[in-house]
């Protein structure tokens, strides 16, 4: 009961402080990703401050590019949204008329009440508006990343001074940090390549707002299984509105090819370590973190859950929870050799 009560209190605190927690978590994950190039630059003889400066310049440049794409694309998308919604509703009405011509009573199926194009397409802007508002606090995020990177050098000494068994504690902390860093770095590279490929594919197809849909694919690629499906829906709708069924089918085929190649061939080879989550856990984490932290929590849901899983794996008393969260079924424990040696075959006469 004490554990459950503590969990409820922590979750309530996170939900109440979501406006502060989301930029802080974003800064933490940026710090984990940026610590690797920072230490690499330090090993090449650069000072700590100069290494941090180069990393922060790279982060700021990337944030500026993303902010510029979001700003221009969302404004253009918002202006054309009424026209797109009207055209989509017209095509939907034509589909209903075709079904009625085939003798299907669409009024009994209540299909008309299932379609509201304007509300459906406005859901796309919710995620981007949440990301844009978070990028608005970019100065706070950058400052937090700078201080975290400065503390990264002195953190091992603080651990040795705090814990009674610093060697074991340091090994555990390094294992957690290495696993999280490995997952975030590889997942970020895979997501970036996926977003670039999808944006280039949509641009070649002539679909409007190709950069916006590529950015959406980059963000939702952090959510396995359902993220790629969710990212493909607005682009397919866009192609359907512009060109019709044929181009929508071609867009769907392009998404499937890119996602199959990146998800089934490239990512398993680069990821290496088994940090996967079960499909049920991915879906529940999406709902949970989206409810606690809002739209950005849905993007960070799997990253947060994988981090919790890695932390649980580092301790023997909580490893069973990590096994339940994982996607792989562990092999049964091997039979002790003493037990195997003690089993004798019955005599042939028996």
C-alpha atoms as a PDB file:
ATOM      1  CA  UNK A   1       0.000   0.000   0.000  1.00  0.00           C
ATOM      2  CA  UNK A   2       2.861   2.375   0.772  1.00  0.00           C
ATOM      3  CA  UNK A   3       4.412   1.697  -2.635  1.00  0.00           C
ATOM      4  CA  UNK A   4       1.097   2.274  -4.424  1.00  0.00           C
ATOM      5  CA  UNK A   5       0.450   5.471  -2.473  1.00  0.00           C
ATOM      6  CA  UNK A   6       3.945   6.762  -3.251  1.00  0.00           C
ATOM      7  CA  UNK A   7       3.430   5.994  -6.944  1.00  0.00           C
ATOM      8  CA  UNK A   8       0.128   7.911  -6.991  1.00  0.00           C
ATOM      9  CA  UNK A   9       1.716  10.916  -5.280  1.00  0.00           C
ATOM     10  CA  UNK A  10       4.642  10.963  -7.733  1.00  0.00           C
ATOM     11  CA  UNK A  11       2.348  10.676 -10.774  1.00  0.00           C
ATOM     12  CA  UNK A  12       0.089  13.454  -9.446  1.00  0.00           C
ATOM     13  CA  UNK A  13       3.135  15.661  -8.908  1.00  0.00           C
ATOM     14  CA  UNK A  14       4.401  14.998 -12.434  1.00  0.00           C
ATOM     15  CA  UNK A  15       1.012  15.835 -13.946  1.00  0.00           C
ATOM     16  CA  UNK A  16       0.692  19.032 -11.915  1.00  0.00           C
ATOM     17  CA  UNK A  17       4.218  20.161 -12.850  1.00  0.00           C
ATOM     18  CA  UNK A  18       4.102  19.023 -16.491  1.00  0.00           C
ATOM     19  CA  UNK A  19       4.993  22.522 -17.719  1.00  0.00           C
ATOM     20  CA  UNK A  20       8.329  22.290 -15.903  1.00  0.00           C
ATOM     21  CA  UNK A  21       8.916  18.544 -16.083  1.00  0.00           C
ATOM     22  CA  UNK A  22       8.649  18.280 -19.893  1.00  0.00           C
ATOM     23  CA  UNK A  23      11.455  20.797 -20.673  1.00  0.00           C
ATOM     24  CA  UNK A  24      13.556  19.263 -17.893  1.00  0.00           C
ATOM     25  CA  UNK A  25      13.142  15.729 -19.280  1.00  0.00           C
ATOM     26  CA  UNK A  26      13.897  17.009 -22.759  1.00  0.00           C
ATOM     27  CA  UNK A  27      17.065  18.628 -21.408  1.00  0.00           C
ATOM     28  CA  UNK A  28      18.046  15.401 -19.627  1.00  0.00           C
ATOM     29  CA  UNK A  29      17.755  13.340 -22.808  1.00  0.00           C
ATOM     30  CA  UNK A  30      19.633  15.988 -24.796  1.00  0.00           C
ATOM     31  CA  UNK A  31      22.379  15.933 -22.176  1.00  0.00           C
ATOM     32  CA  UNK A  32      22.651  12.151 -22.387  1.00  0.00           C
ATOM     33  CA  UNK A  33      22.924  12.302 -26.177  1.00  0.00           C
ATOM     34  CA  UNK A  34      25.361  15.227 -26.140  1.00  0.00           C
ATOM     35  CA  UNK A  35      27.631  13.806 -23.444  1.00  0.00           C
ATOM     36  CA  UNK A  36      29.161  11.326 -25.915  1.00  0.00           C
ATOM     37  CA  UNK A  37      30.394  13.968 -28.419  1.00  0.00           C
ATOM     38  CA  UNK A  38      31.453  16.229 -25.544  1.00  0.00           C
ATOM     39  CA  UNK A  39      33.699  13.551 -24.010  1.00  0.00           C
ATOM     40  CA  UNK A  40      34.951  12.655 -27.490  1.00  0.00           C
ATOM     41  CA  UNK A  41      36.005  16.280 -28.049  1.00  0.00           C
ATOM     42  CA  UNK A  42      37.668  16.373 -24.630  1.00  0.00           C
ATOM     43  CA  UNK A  43      39.689  13.278 -25.481  1.00  0.00           C
ATOM     44  CA  UNK A  44      40.933  15.133 -28.574  1.00  0.00           C
ATOM     45  CA  UNK A  45      42.473  17.801 -26.322  1.00  0.00           C
ATOM     46  CA  UNK A  46      39.725  20.441 -26.270  1.00  0.00           C
ATOM     47  CA  UNK A  47      38.759  22.117 -23.015  1.00  0.00           C
ATOM     48  CA  UNK A  48      35.471  21.371 -21.278  1.00  0.00           C
ATOM     49  CA  UNK A  49      33.991  24.788 -22.008  1.00  0.00           C
ATOM     50  CA  UNK A  50      34.955  24.722 -25.684  1.00  0.00           C
ATOM     51  CA  UNK A  51      33.604  21.192 -26.096  1.00  0.00           C
ATOM     52  CA  UNK A  52      30.302  22.218 -24.514  1.00  0.00           C
ATOM     53  CA  UNK A  53      30.211  25.326 -26.709  1.00  0.00           C
ATOM     54  CA  UNK A  54      30.528  23.290 -29.899  1.00  0.00           C
ATOM     55  CA  UNK A  55      27.839  20.858 -28.755  1.00  0.00           C
ATOM     56  CA  UNK A  56      25.464  23.651 -27.737  1.00  0.00           C
ATOM     57  CA  UNK A  57      25.960  25.433 -31.063  1.00  0.00           C
ATOM     58  CA  UNK A  58      25.020  22.213 -32.866  1.00  0.00           C
ATOM     59  CA  UNK A  59      21.929  21.781 -30.656  1.00  0.00           C
ATOM     60  CA  UNK A  60      20.866  25.394 -31.113  1.00  0.00           C
ATOM     61  CA  UNK A  61      21.278  25.142 -34.876  1.00  0.00           C
ATOM     62  CA  UNK A  62      19.163  21.989 -34.980  1.00  0.00           C
ATOM     63  CA  UNK A  63      16.506  23.583 -32.756  1.00  0.00           C
ATOM     64  CA  UNK A  64      16.429  26.688 -34.943  1.00  0.00           C
ATOM     65  CA  UNK A  65      15.949  24.602 -38.091  1.00  0.00           C
ATOM     66  CA  UNK A  66      13.153  22.581 -36.484  1.00  0.00           C
ATOM     67  CA  UNK A  67      11.515  25.744 -35.150  1.00  0.00           C
ATOM     68  CA  UNK A  68      11.673  27.410 -38.563  1.00  0.00           C
ATOM     69  CA  UNK A  69      10.130  24.370 -40.246  1.00  0.00           C
ATOM     70  CA  UNK A  70       7.418  24.160 -37.595  1.00  0.00           C
ATOM     71  CA  UNK A  71       6.640  27.861 -37.687  1.00  0.00           C
ATOM     72  CA  UNK A  72       6.249  28.225 -41.449  1.00  0.00           C
ATOM     73  CA  UNK A  73       4.649  24.823 -42.060  1.00  0.00           C
ATOM     74  CA  UNK A  74       2.089  25.051 -39.255  1.00  0.00           C
ATOM     75  CA  UNK A  75       1.046  28.547 -40.320  1.00  0.00           C
ATOM     76  CA  UNK A  76       0.604  27.449 -43.927  1.00  0.00           C
ATOM     77  CA  UNK A  77      -1.171  24.282 -42.845  1.00  0.00           C
ATOM     78  CA  UNK A  78      -3.561  26.240 -40.606  1.00  0.00           C
ATOM     79  CA  UNK A  79      -4.431  28.601 -43.448  1.00  0.00           C
ATOM     80  CA  UNK A  80      -5.184  25.795 -45.903  1.00  0.00           C
ATOM     81  CA  UNK A  81      -6.913  23.572 -43.338  1.00  0.00           C
ATOM     82  CA  UNK A  82     -10.481  24.809 -44.048  1.00  0.00           C
ATOM     83  CA  UNK A  83     -10.074  24.222 -47.797  1.00  0.00           C
ATOM     84  CA  UNK A  84      -8.580  20.774 -47.237  1.00  0.00           C
ATOM     85  CA  UNK A  85     -11.330  19.867 -44.778  1.00  0.00           C
ATOM     86  CA  UNK A  86     -14.035  20.953 -47.204  1.00  0.00           C
ATOM     87  CA  UNK A  87     -12.487  18.962 -50.045  1.00  0.00           C
ATOM     88  CA  UNK A  88     -12.070  15.918 -47.828  1.00  0.00           C
ATOM     89  CA  UNK A  89     -15.713  16.112 -46.750  1.00  0.00           C
ATOM     90  CA  UNK A  90     -16.768  16.342 -50.389  1.00  0.00           C
ATOM     91  CA  UNK A  91     -14.786  13.232 -51.267  1.00  0.00           C
ATOM     92  CA  UNK A  92     -16.212  11.490 -48.224  1.00  0.00           C
ATOM     93  CA  UNK A  93     -19.735  12.393 -49.334  1.00  0.00           C
ATOM     94  CA  UNK A  94     -18.939  10.998 -52.771  1.00  0.00           C
ATOM     95  CA  UNK A  95     -17.803   7.742 -51.173  1.00  0.00           C
ATOM     96  CA  UNK A  96     -21.060   7.539 -49.199  1.00  0.00           C
ATOM     97  CA  UNK A  97     -23.043   8.147 -52.378  1.00  0.00           C
ATOM     98  CA  UNK A  98     -21.107   5.333 -54.091  1.00  0.00           C
ATOM     99  CA  UNK A  99     -21.931   3.000 -51.209  1.00  0.00           C
ATOM    100  CA  UNK A 100     -25.613   3.935 -51.411  1.00  0.00           C
ATOM    101  CA  UNK A 101     -25.510   3.224 -55.146  1.00  0.00           C
ATOM    102  CA  UNK A 102     -24.338  -0.299 -54.294  1.00  0.00           C
ATOM    103  CA  UNK A 103     -27.409  -0.794 -52.102  1.00  0.00           C
ATOM    104  CA  UNK A 104     -25.729  -0.161 -48.722  1.00  0.00           C
ATOM    105  CA  UNK A 105     -27.776   1.875 -46.251  1.00  0.00           C
ATOM    106  CA  UNK A 106     -25.101   4.203 -44.843  1.00  0.00           C
ATOM    107  CA  UNK A 107     -27.600   5.917 -42.518  1.00  0.00           C
ATOM    108  CA  UNK A 108     -28.027   2.688 -40.557  1.00  0.00           C
ATOM    109  CA  UNK A 109     -24.256   2.313 -40.345  1.00  0.00           C
ATOM    110  CA  UNK A 110     -24.014   5.881 -38.989  1.00  0.00           C
ATOM    111  CA  UNK A 111     -20.945   6.550 -41.102  1.00  0.00           C
ATOM    112  CA  UNK A 112     -21.806  10.223 -41.401  1.00  0.00           C
ATOM    113  CA  UNK A 113     -21.275  10.771 -37.676  1.00  0.00           C
ATOM    114  CA  UNK A 114     -17.871   9.096 -37.806  1.00  0.00           C
ATOM    115  CA  UNK A 115     -16.294  11.655 -40.113  1.00  0.00           C
ATOM    116  CA  UNK A 116     -15.398  15.187 -39.133  1.00  0.00           C
ATOM    117  CA  UNK A 117     -12.436  16.127 -41.310  1.00  0.00           C
ATOM    118  CA  UNK A 118     -11.725  19.452 -39.651  1.00  0.00           C
ATOM    119  CA  UNK A 119     -11.547  17.994 -36.147  1.00  0.00           C
ATOM    120  CA  UNK A 120      -9.542  15.040 -37.372  1.00  0.00           C
ATOM    121  CA  UNK A 121      -6.913  17.142 -39.104  1.00  0.00           C
ATOM    122  CA  UNK A 122      -6.723  19.596 -36.218  1.00  0.00           C
ATOM    123  CA  UNK A 123      -5.396  16.776 -34.064  1.00  0.00           C
ATOM    124  CA  UNK A 124      -2.238  16.922 -36.172  1.00  0.00           C
ATOM    125  CA  UNK A 125      -1.594  20.504 -35.129  1.00  0.00           C
ATOM    126  CA  UNK A 126      -1.945  19.675 -31.417  1.00  0.00           C
ATOM    127  CA  UNK A 127       1.324  17.746 -31.343  1.00  0.00           C
ATOM    128  CA  UNK A 128       3.217  20.385 -33.306  1.00  0.00           C
ATOM    129  CA  UNK A 129       1.833  23.228 -31.211  1.00  0.00           C
ATOM    130  CA  UNK A 130       2.959  21.401 -28.075  1.00  0.00           C
ATOM    131  CA  UNK A 131       6.427  20.927 -29.553  1.00  0.00           C
ATOM    132  CA  UNK A 132       6.572  24.538 -30.684  1.00  0.00           C
ATOM    133  CA  UNK A 133       5.598  25.777 -27.214  1.00  0.00           C
ATOM    134  CA  UNK A 134       8.332  23.602 -25.721  1.00  0.00           C
ATOM    135  CA  UNK A 135      10.859  24.997 -28.203  1.00  0.00           C
ATOM    136  CA  UNK A 136       9.724  28.430 -27.044  1.00  0.00           C
ATOM    137  CA  UNK A 137      11.456  27.679 -23.752  1.00  0.00           C
ATOM    138  CA  UNK A 138      14.616  26.819 -25.644  1.00  0.00           C
ATOM    139  CA  UNK A 139      16.765  29.173 -23.576  1.00  0.00           C
ATOM    140  CA  UNK A 140      15.817  27.341 -20.391  1.00  0.00           C
ATOM    141  CA  UNK A 141      16.505  23.964 -22.052  1.00  0.00           C
ATOM    142  CA  UNK A 142      19.889  25.083 -23.395  1.00  0.00           C
ATOM    143  CA  UNK A 143      20.960  26.471 -20.009  1.00  0.00           C
ATOM    144  CA  UNK A 144      19.882  23.250 -18.298  1.00  0.00           C
ATOM    145  CA  UNK A 145      21.853  21.180 -20.816  1.00  0.00           C
ATOM    146  CA  UNK A 146      24.952  23.335 -20.272  1.00  0.00           C
ATOM    147  CA  UNK A 147      24.855  22.897 -16.490  1.00  0.00           C
ATOM    148  CA  UNK A 148      24.182  19.167 -16.806  1.00  0.00           C
ATOM    149  CA  UNK A 149      27.157  18.725 -19.122  1.00  0.00           C
ATOM    150  CA  UNK A 150      29.332  20.684 -16.694  1.00  0.00           C
ATOM    151  CA  UNK A 151      28.210  18.404 -13.869  1.00  0.00           C
ATOM    152  CA  UNK A 152      28.880  15.288 -15.949  1.00  0.00           C
ATOM    153  CA  UNK A 153      32.626  15.543 -15.308  1.00  0.00           C
ATOM    154  CA  UNK A 154      32.283  15.855 -11.527  1.00  0.00           C
ATOM    155  CA  UNK A 155      29.383  13.445 -11.126  1.00  0.00           C
ATOM    156  CA  UNK A 156      31.522  10.283 -10.650  1.00  0.00           C
ATOM    157  CA  UNK A 157      33.405  11.914  -7.779  1.00  0.00           C
ATOM    158  CA  UNK A 158      30.123  12.887  -6.105  1.00  0.00           C
ATOM    159  CA  UNK A 159      28.882   9.310  -6.401  1.00  0.00           C
ATOM    160  CA  UNK A 160      32.053   8.016  -4.745  1.00  0.00           C
ATOM    161  CA  UNK A 161      31.588  10.484  -1.913  1.00  0.00           C
ATOM    162  CA  UNK A 162      27.895   9.697  -1.290  1.00  0.00           C
ATOM    163  CA  UNK A 163      27.566   5.906  -1.466  1.00  0.00           C
ATOM    164  CA  UNK A 164      29.083   3.432   0.930  1.00  0.00           C
ATOM    165  CA  UNK A 165      30.032   1.080  -1.879  1.00  0.00           C
ATOM    166  CA  UNK A 166      31.077   3.548  -4.608  1.00  0.00           C
ATOM    167  CA  UNK A 167      32.508   0.890  -6.904  1.00  0.00           C
ATOM    168  CA  UNK A 168      29.251  -1.043  -7.189  1.00  0.00           C
ATOM    169  CA  UNK A 169      27.185   2.153  -7.370  1.00  0.00           C
ATOM    170  CA  UNK A 170      29.381   3.580 -10.109  1.00  0.00           C
ATOM    171  CA  UNK A 171      29.175   0.380 -12.124  1.00  0.00           C
ATOM    172  CA  UNK A 172      25.390   0.422 -11.874  1.00  0.00           C
ATOM    173  CA  UNK A 173      25.132   4.110 -12.793  1.00  0.00           C
ATOM    174  CA  UNK A 174      27.510   3.683 -15.726  1.00  0.00           C
ATOM    175  CA  UNK A 175      25.547   0.675 -16.957  1.00  0.00           C
ATOM    176  CA  UNK A 176      22.278   2.629 -16.807  1.00  0.00           C
ATOM    177  CA  UNK A 177      23.810   5.683 -18.490  1.00  0.00           C
ATOM    178  CA  UNK A 178      25.482   3.614 -21.228  1.00  0.00           C
ATOM    179  CA  UNK A 179      22.272   1.717 -22.033  1.00  0.00           C
ATOM    180  CA  UNK A 180      20.143   4.873 -22.137  1.00  0.00           C
ATOM    181  CA  UNK A 181      22.788   6.698 -24.181  1.00  0.00           C
ATOM    182  CA  UNK A 182      23.067   3.788 -26.612  1.00  0.00           C
ATOM    183  CA  UNK A 183      19.291   3.572 -27.059  1.00  0.00           C
ATOM    184  CA  UNK A 184      18.765   7.334 -27.466  1.00  0.00           C
ATOM    185  CA  UNK A 185      21.669   7.803 -29.871  1.00  0.00           C
ATOM    186  CA  UNK A 186      20.710   4.914 -32.150  1.00  0.00           C
ATOM    187  CA  UNK A 187      17.005   5.732 -32.021  1.00  0.00           C
ATOM    188  CA  UNK A 188      17.687   9.384 -32.843  1.00  0.00           C
ATOM    189  CA  UNK A 189      19.836   8.473 -35.856  1.00  0.00           C
ATOM    190  CA  UNK A 190      17.242   5.977 -37.108  1.00  0.00           C
ATOM    191  CA  UNK A 191      14.409   8.481 -36.617  1.00  0.00           C
ATOM    192  CA  UNK A 192      16.359  11.212 -38.401  1.00  0.00           C
ATOM    193  CA  UNK A 193      17.111   8.992 -41.402  1.00  0.00           C
ATOM    194  CA  UNK A 194      13.462   7.868 -41.514  1.00  0.00           C
ATOM    195  CA  UNK A 195      12.201  11.457 -41.433  1.00  0.00           C
ATOM    196  CA  UNK A 196      14.591  12.528 -44.201  1.00  0.00           C
ATOM    197  CA  UNK A 197      13.631   9.587 -46.419  1.00  0.00           C
ATOM    198  CA  UNK A 198       9.912  10.200 -45.954  1.00  0.00           C
ATOM    199  CA  UNK A 199      10.232  13.951 -46.565  1.00  0.00           C
ATOM    200  CA  UNK A 200      12.233  13.308 -49.745  1.00  0.00           C
ATOM    201  CA  UNK A 201       9.757  10.668 -50.919  1.00  0.00           C
ATOM    202  CA  UNK A 202       6.747  12.940 -50.362  1.00  0.00           C
ATOM    203  CA  UNK A 203       8.507  15.847 -52.065  1.00  0.00           C
ATOM    204  CA  UNK A 204       9.163  13.685 -55.135  1.00  0.00           C
ATOM    205  CA  UNK A 205       5.500  12.585 -55.082  1.00  0.00           C
ATOM    206  CA  UNK A 206       4.445  16.230 -55.001  1.00  0.00           C
ATOM    207  CA  UNK A 207       2.590  16.005 -51.670  1.00  0.00           C
ATOM    208  CA  UNK A 208       2.265  19.359 -49.908  1.00  0.00           C
ATOM    209  CA  UNK A 209       4.013  19.992 -46.570  1.00  0.00           C
ATOM    210  CA  UNK A 210       6.546  17.213 -47.136  1.00  0.00           C
ATOM    211  CA  UNK A 211       8.915  18.671 -44.522  1.00  0.00           C
ATOM    212  CA  UNK A 212       6.116  18.784 -41.956  1.00  0.00           C
ATOM    213  CA  UNK A 213       5.192  15.132 -42.504  1.00  0.00           C
ATOM    214  CA  UNK A 214       8.863  14.150 -42.447  1.00  0.00           C
ATOM    215  CA  UNK A 215       9.261  15.921 -39.112  1.00  0.00           C
ATOM    216  CA  UNK A 216       6.164  14.134 -37.824  1.00  0.00           C
ATOM    217  CA  UNK A 217       7.681  10.798 -38.920  1.00  0.00           C
ATOM    218  CA  UNK A 218      10.918  11.714 -37.122  1.00  0.00           C
ATOM    219  CA  UNK A 219       9.092  12.463 -33.868  1.00  0.00           C
ATOM    220  CA  UNK A 220       6.715   9.507 -33.914  1.00  0.00           C
ATOM    221  CA  UNK A 221       9.434   7.051 -34.883  1.00  0.00           C
ATOM    222  CA  UNK A 222      10.383   7.087 -31.179  1.00  0.00           C
ATOM    223  CA  UNK A 223       7.097   5.235 -30.660  1.00  0.00           C
ATOM    224  CA  UNK A 224       7.544   1.734 -32.132  1.00  0.00           C
ATOM    225  CA  UNK A 225       4.750  -0.341 -33.691  1.00  0.00           C
ATOM    226  CA  UNK A 226       2.083   2.362 -33.715  1.00  0.00           C
ATOM    227  CA  UNK A 227       4.208   5.477 -34.254  1.00  0.00           C
ATOM    228  CA  UNK A 228       4.904   4.870 -37.933  1.00  0.00           C
ATOM    229  CA  UNK A 229       1.242   4.057 -38.585  1.00  0.00           C
ATOM    230  CA  UNK A 230       0.133   7.263 -36.884  1.00  0.00           C
ATOM    231  CA  UNK A 231       2.695   9.334 -38.792  1.00  0.00           C
ATOM    232  CA  UNK A 232       1.545   7.967 -42.147  1.00  0.00           C
ATOM    233  CA  UNK A 233      -2.144   8.838 -41.725  1.00  0.00           C
ATOM    234  CA  UNK A 234      -1.975  12.653 -42.287  1.00  0.00           C
ATOM    235  CA  UNK A 235       0.383  12.285 -45.264  1.00  0.00           C
ATOM    236  CA  UNK A 236      -1.893   9.686 -46.871  1.00  0.00           C
ATOM    237  CA  UNK A 237      -4.895  11.966 -46.279  1.00  0.00           C
ATOM    238  CA  UNK A 238      -2.946  14.845 -47.817  1.00  0.00           C
ATOM    239  CA  UNK A 239      -2.156  12.773 -50.908  1.00  0.00           C
ATOM    240  CA  UNK A 240      -5.785  11.643 -51.106  1.00  0.00           C
ATOM    241  CA  UNK A 241      -7.056  15.221 -50.932  1.00  0.00           C
ATOM    242  CA  UNK A 242      -4.626  16.439 -53.590  1.00  0.00           C
ATOM    243  CA  UNK A 243      -4.562  13.571 -56.085  1.00  0.00           C
ATOM    244  CA  UNK A 244      -7.110  10.901 -55.168  1.00  0.00           C
ATOM    245  CA  UNK A 245      -7.005   7.204 -54.355  1.00  0.00           C
ATOM    246  CA  UNK A 246      -4.108   6.253 -56.611  1.00  0.00           C
ATOM    247  CA  UNK A 247      -1.619   8.676 -55.087  1.00  0.00           C
ATOM    248  CA  UNK A 248      -2.843   7.823 -51.584  1.00  0.00           C
ATOM    249  CA  UNK A 249      -2.119   4.144 -52.260  1.00  0.00           C
ATOM    250  CA  UNK A 250       1.328   5.048 -53.615  1.00  0.00           C
ATOM    251  CA  UNK A 251       2.056   7.104 -50.501  1.00  0.00           C
ATOM    252  CA  UNK A 252       1.006   4.201 -48.299  1.00  0.00           C
ATOM    253  CA  UNK A 253       3.287   1.854 -50.253  1.00  0.00           C
ATOM    254  CA  UNK A 254       6.218   4.242 -49.872  1.00  0.00           C
ATOM    255  CA  UNK A 255       5.692   4.467 -46.104  1.00  0.00           C
ATOM    256  CA  UNK A 256       5.524   0.689 -45.834  1.00  0.00           C
ATOM    257  CA  UNK A 257       8.758   0.190 -47.771  1.00  0.00           C
ATOM    258  CA  UNK A 258      10.668   2.774 -45.713  1.00  0.00           C
ATOM    259  CA  UNK A 259       9.340   1.526 -42.393  1.00  0.00           C
ATOM    260  CA  UNK A 260       9.984  -2.135 -43.216  1.00  0.00           C
ATOM    261  CA  UNK A 261      13.568  -1.434 -44.269  1.00  0.00           C
ATOM    262  CA  UNK A 262      14.383   0.842 -41.332  1.00  0.00           C
ATOM    263  CA  UNK A 263      12.422  -1.059 -38.676  1.00  0.00           C
ATOM    264  CA  UNK A 264      13.190  -4.654 -39.636  1.00  0.00           C
ATOM    265  CA  UNK A 265      16.680  -4.473 -41.111  1.00  0.00           C
ATOM    266  CA  UNK A 266      18.581  -1.288 -40.217  1.00  0.00           C
ATOM    267  CA  UNK A 267      17.430  -0.687 -36.632  1.00  0.00           C
ATOM    268  CA  UNK A 268      17.954  -4.263 -35.320  1.00  0.00           C
ATOM    269  CA  UNK A 269      21.496  -4.282 -36.727  1.00  0.00           C
ATOM    270  CA  UNK A 270      22.403  -0.952 -35.141  1.00  0.00           C
ATOM    271  CA  UNK A 271      20.503  -1.341 -31.872  1.00  0.00           C
ATOM    272  CA  UNK A 272      22.166  -4.602 -30.977  1.00  0.00           C
ATOM    273  CA  UNK A 273      21.077  -4.752 -27.353  1.00  0.00           C
ATOM    274  CA  UNK A 274      17.644  -6.031 -26.508  1.00  0.00           C
ATOM    275  CA  UNK A 275      15.889  -3.028 -24.971  1.00  0.00           C
ATOM    276  CA  UNK A 276      12.543  -3.661 -26.662  1.00  0.00           C
ATOM    277  CA  UNK A 277       9.161  -3.360 -25.002  1.00  0.00           C
ATOM    278  CA  UNK A 278       6.121  -5.505 -25.550  1.00  0.00           C
ATOM    279  CA  UNK A 279       3.375  -4.093 -27.753  1.00  0.00           C
ATOM    280  CA  UNK A 280       0.969  -3.890 -24.817  1.00  0.00           C
ATOM    281  CA  UNK A 281       3.495  -1.934 -22.733  1.00  0.00           C
ATOM    282  CA  UNK A 282       4.115   0.453 -25.652  1.00  0.00           C
ATOM    283  CA  UNK A 283       0.391   1.138 -25.999  1.00  0.00           C
ATOM    284  CA  UNK A 284      -0.148   1.586 -22.248  1.00  0.00           C
ATOM    285  CA  UNK A 285       2.929   3.802 -21.906  1.00  0.00           C
ATOM    286  CA  UNK A 286       1.640   5.968 -24.768  1.00  0.00           C
ATOM    287  CA  UNK A 287      -1.653   6.478 -22.940  1.00  0.00           C
ATOM    288  CA  UNK A 288      -0.051   6.944 -19.525  1.00  0.00           C
ATOM    289  CA  UNK A 289       2.680   9.430 -20.437  1.00  0.00           C
ATOM    290  CA  UNK A 290       0.345  11.282 -22.810  1.00  0.00           C
ATOM    291  CA  UNK A 291      -2.111  11.716 -19.935  1.00  0.00           C
ATOM    292  CA  UNK A 292       0.602  12.791 -17.502  1.00  0.00           C
ATOM    293  CA  UNK A 293       2.759  15.053 -19.698  1.00  0.00           C
ATOM    294  CA  UNK A 294       0.528  15.930 -22.656  1.00  0.00           C
ATOM    295  CA  UNK A 295       1.310  15.523 -26.390  1.00  0.00           C
ATOM    296  CA  UNK A 296       5.079  15.678 -25.874  1.00  0.00           C
ATOM    297  CA  UNK A 297       4.733  12.929 -23.296  1.00  0.00           C
ATOM    298  CA  UNK A 298       3.385  10.707 -26.078  1.00  0.00           C
ATOM    299  CA  UNK A 299       6.565  11.324 -28.084  1.00  0.00           C
ATOM    300  CA  UNK A 300       8.773  10.653 -25.051  1.00  0.00           C
ATOM    301  CA  UNK A 301       6.636   7.766 -23.765  1.00  0.00           C
ATOM    302  CA  UNK A 302       8.741   4.893 -25.040  1.00  0.00           C
ATOM    303  CA  UNK A 303      12.014   6.654 -24.194  1.00  0.00           C
ATOM    304  CA  UNK A 304      10.824   7.172 -20.614  1.00  0.00           C
ATOM    305  CA  UNK A 305       9.555   3.600 -20.315  1.00  0.00           C
ATOM    306  CA  UNK A 306      12.776   2.152 -21.744  1.00  0.00           C
ATOM    307  CA  UNK A 307      14.731   4.244 -19.232  1.00  0.00           C
ATOM    308  CA  UNK A 308      12.605   2.860 -16.391  1.00  0.00           C
ATOM    309  CA  UNK A 309      13.119  -0.655 -17.777  1.00  0.00           C
ATOM    310  CA  UNK A 310      16.899  -0.179 -17.861  1.00  0.00           C
ATOM    311  CA  UNK A 311      16.903   1.082 -14.274  1.00  0.00           C
ATOM    312  CA  UNK A 312      14.814  -1.894 -13.172  1.00  0.00           C
ATOM    313  CA  UNK A 313      17.178  -4.287 -14.952  1.00  0.00           C
ATOM    314  CA  UNK A 314      20.153  -2.952 -13.012  1.00  0.00           C
ATOM    315  CA  UNK A 315      18.891  -4.328  -9.669  1.00  0.00           C
ATOM    316  CA  UNK A 316      18.262  -7.998  -8.899  1.00  0.00           C
ATOM    317  CA  UNK A 317      15.179  -7.306  -6.790  1.00  0.00           C
ATOM    318  CA  UNK A 318      13.403  -5.393  -9.616  1.00  0.00           C
ATOM    319  CA  UNK A 319      14.640  -7.332 -12.656  1.00  0.00           C
ATOM    320  CA  UNK A 320      11.414  -9.358 -12.771  1.00  0.00           C
ATOM    321  CA  UNK A 321       9.461  -6.158 -13.533  1.00  0.00           C
ATOM    322  CA  UNK A 322      11.817  -5.401 -16.416  1.00  0.00           C
ATOM    323  CA  UNK A 323      11.230  -8.906 -17.772  1.00  0.00           C
ATOM    324  CA  UNK A 324       7.466  -8.305 -17.719  1.00  0.00           C
ATOM    325  CA  UNK A 325       7.921  -5.021 -19.593  1.00  0.00           C
ATOM    326  CA  UNK A 326      10.170  -6.550 -22.251  1.00  0.00           C
ATOM    327  CA  UNK A 327       9.203  -7.993 -25.602  1.00  0.00           C
ATOM    328  CA  UNK A 328      11.356 -11.118 -25.413  1.00  0.00           C
ATOM    329  CA  UNK A 329      10.461 -14.243 -23.472  1.00  0.00           C
ATOM    330  CA  UNK A 330      13.491 -15.263 -21.393  1.00  0.00           C
ATOM    331  CA  UNK A 331      14.804 -18.776 -21.721  1.00  0.00           C
ATOM    332  CA  UNK A 332      13.967 -21.123 -18.819  1.00  0.00           C
ATOM    333  CA  UNK A 333      16.743 -21.501 -16.261  1.00  0.00           C
ATOM    334  CA  UNK A 334      19.166 -24.297 -16.955  1.00  0.00           C
ATOM    335  CA  UNK A 335      18.828 -27.426 -14.873  1.00  0.00           C
ATOM    336  CA  UNK A 336      21.454 -27.617 -12.138  1.00  0.00           C
ATOM    337  CA  UNK A 337      24.189 -30.136 -12.956  1.00  0.00           C
ATOM    338  CA  UNK A 338      23.759 -31.783  -9.557  1.00  0.00           C
ATOM    339  CA  UNK A 339      20.130 -32.579 -10.317  1.00  0.00           C
ATOM    340  CA  UNK A 340      20.991 -33.866 -13.769  1.00  0.00           C
ATOM    341  CA  UNK A 341      23.765 -36.079 -12.392  1.00  0.00           C
ATOM    342  CA  UNK A 342      21.485 -37.453  -9.685  1.00  0.00           C
ATOM    343  CA  UNK A 343      18.966 -38.783 -12.199  1.00  0.00           C
ATOM    344  CA  UNK A 344      19.878 -42.358 -13.151  1.00  0.00           C
ATOM    345  CA  UNK A 345      18.275 -44.411 -15.840  1.00  0.00           C
ATOM    346  CA  UNK A 346      16.306 -47.427 -14.555  1.00  0.00           C
ATOM    347  CA  UNK A 347      17.814 -50.841 -15.201  1.00  0.00           C
ATOM    348  CA  UNK A 348      16.885 -52.548 -18.448  1.00  0.00           C
ATOM    349  CA  UNK A 349      15.184 -55.400 -16.555  1.00  0.00           C
ATOM    350  CA  UNK A 350      12.677 -52.925 -15.139  1.00  0.00           C
END
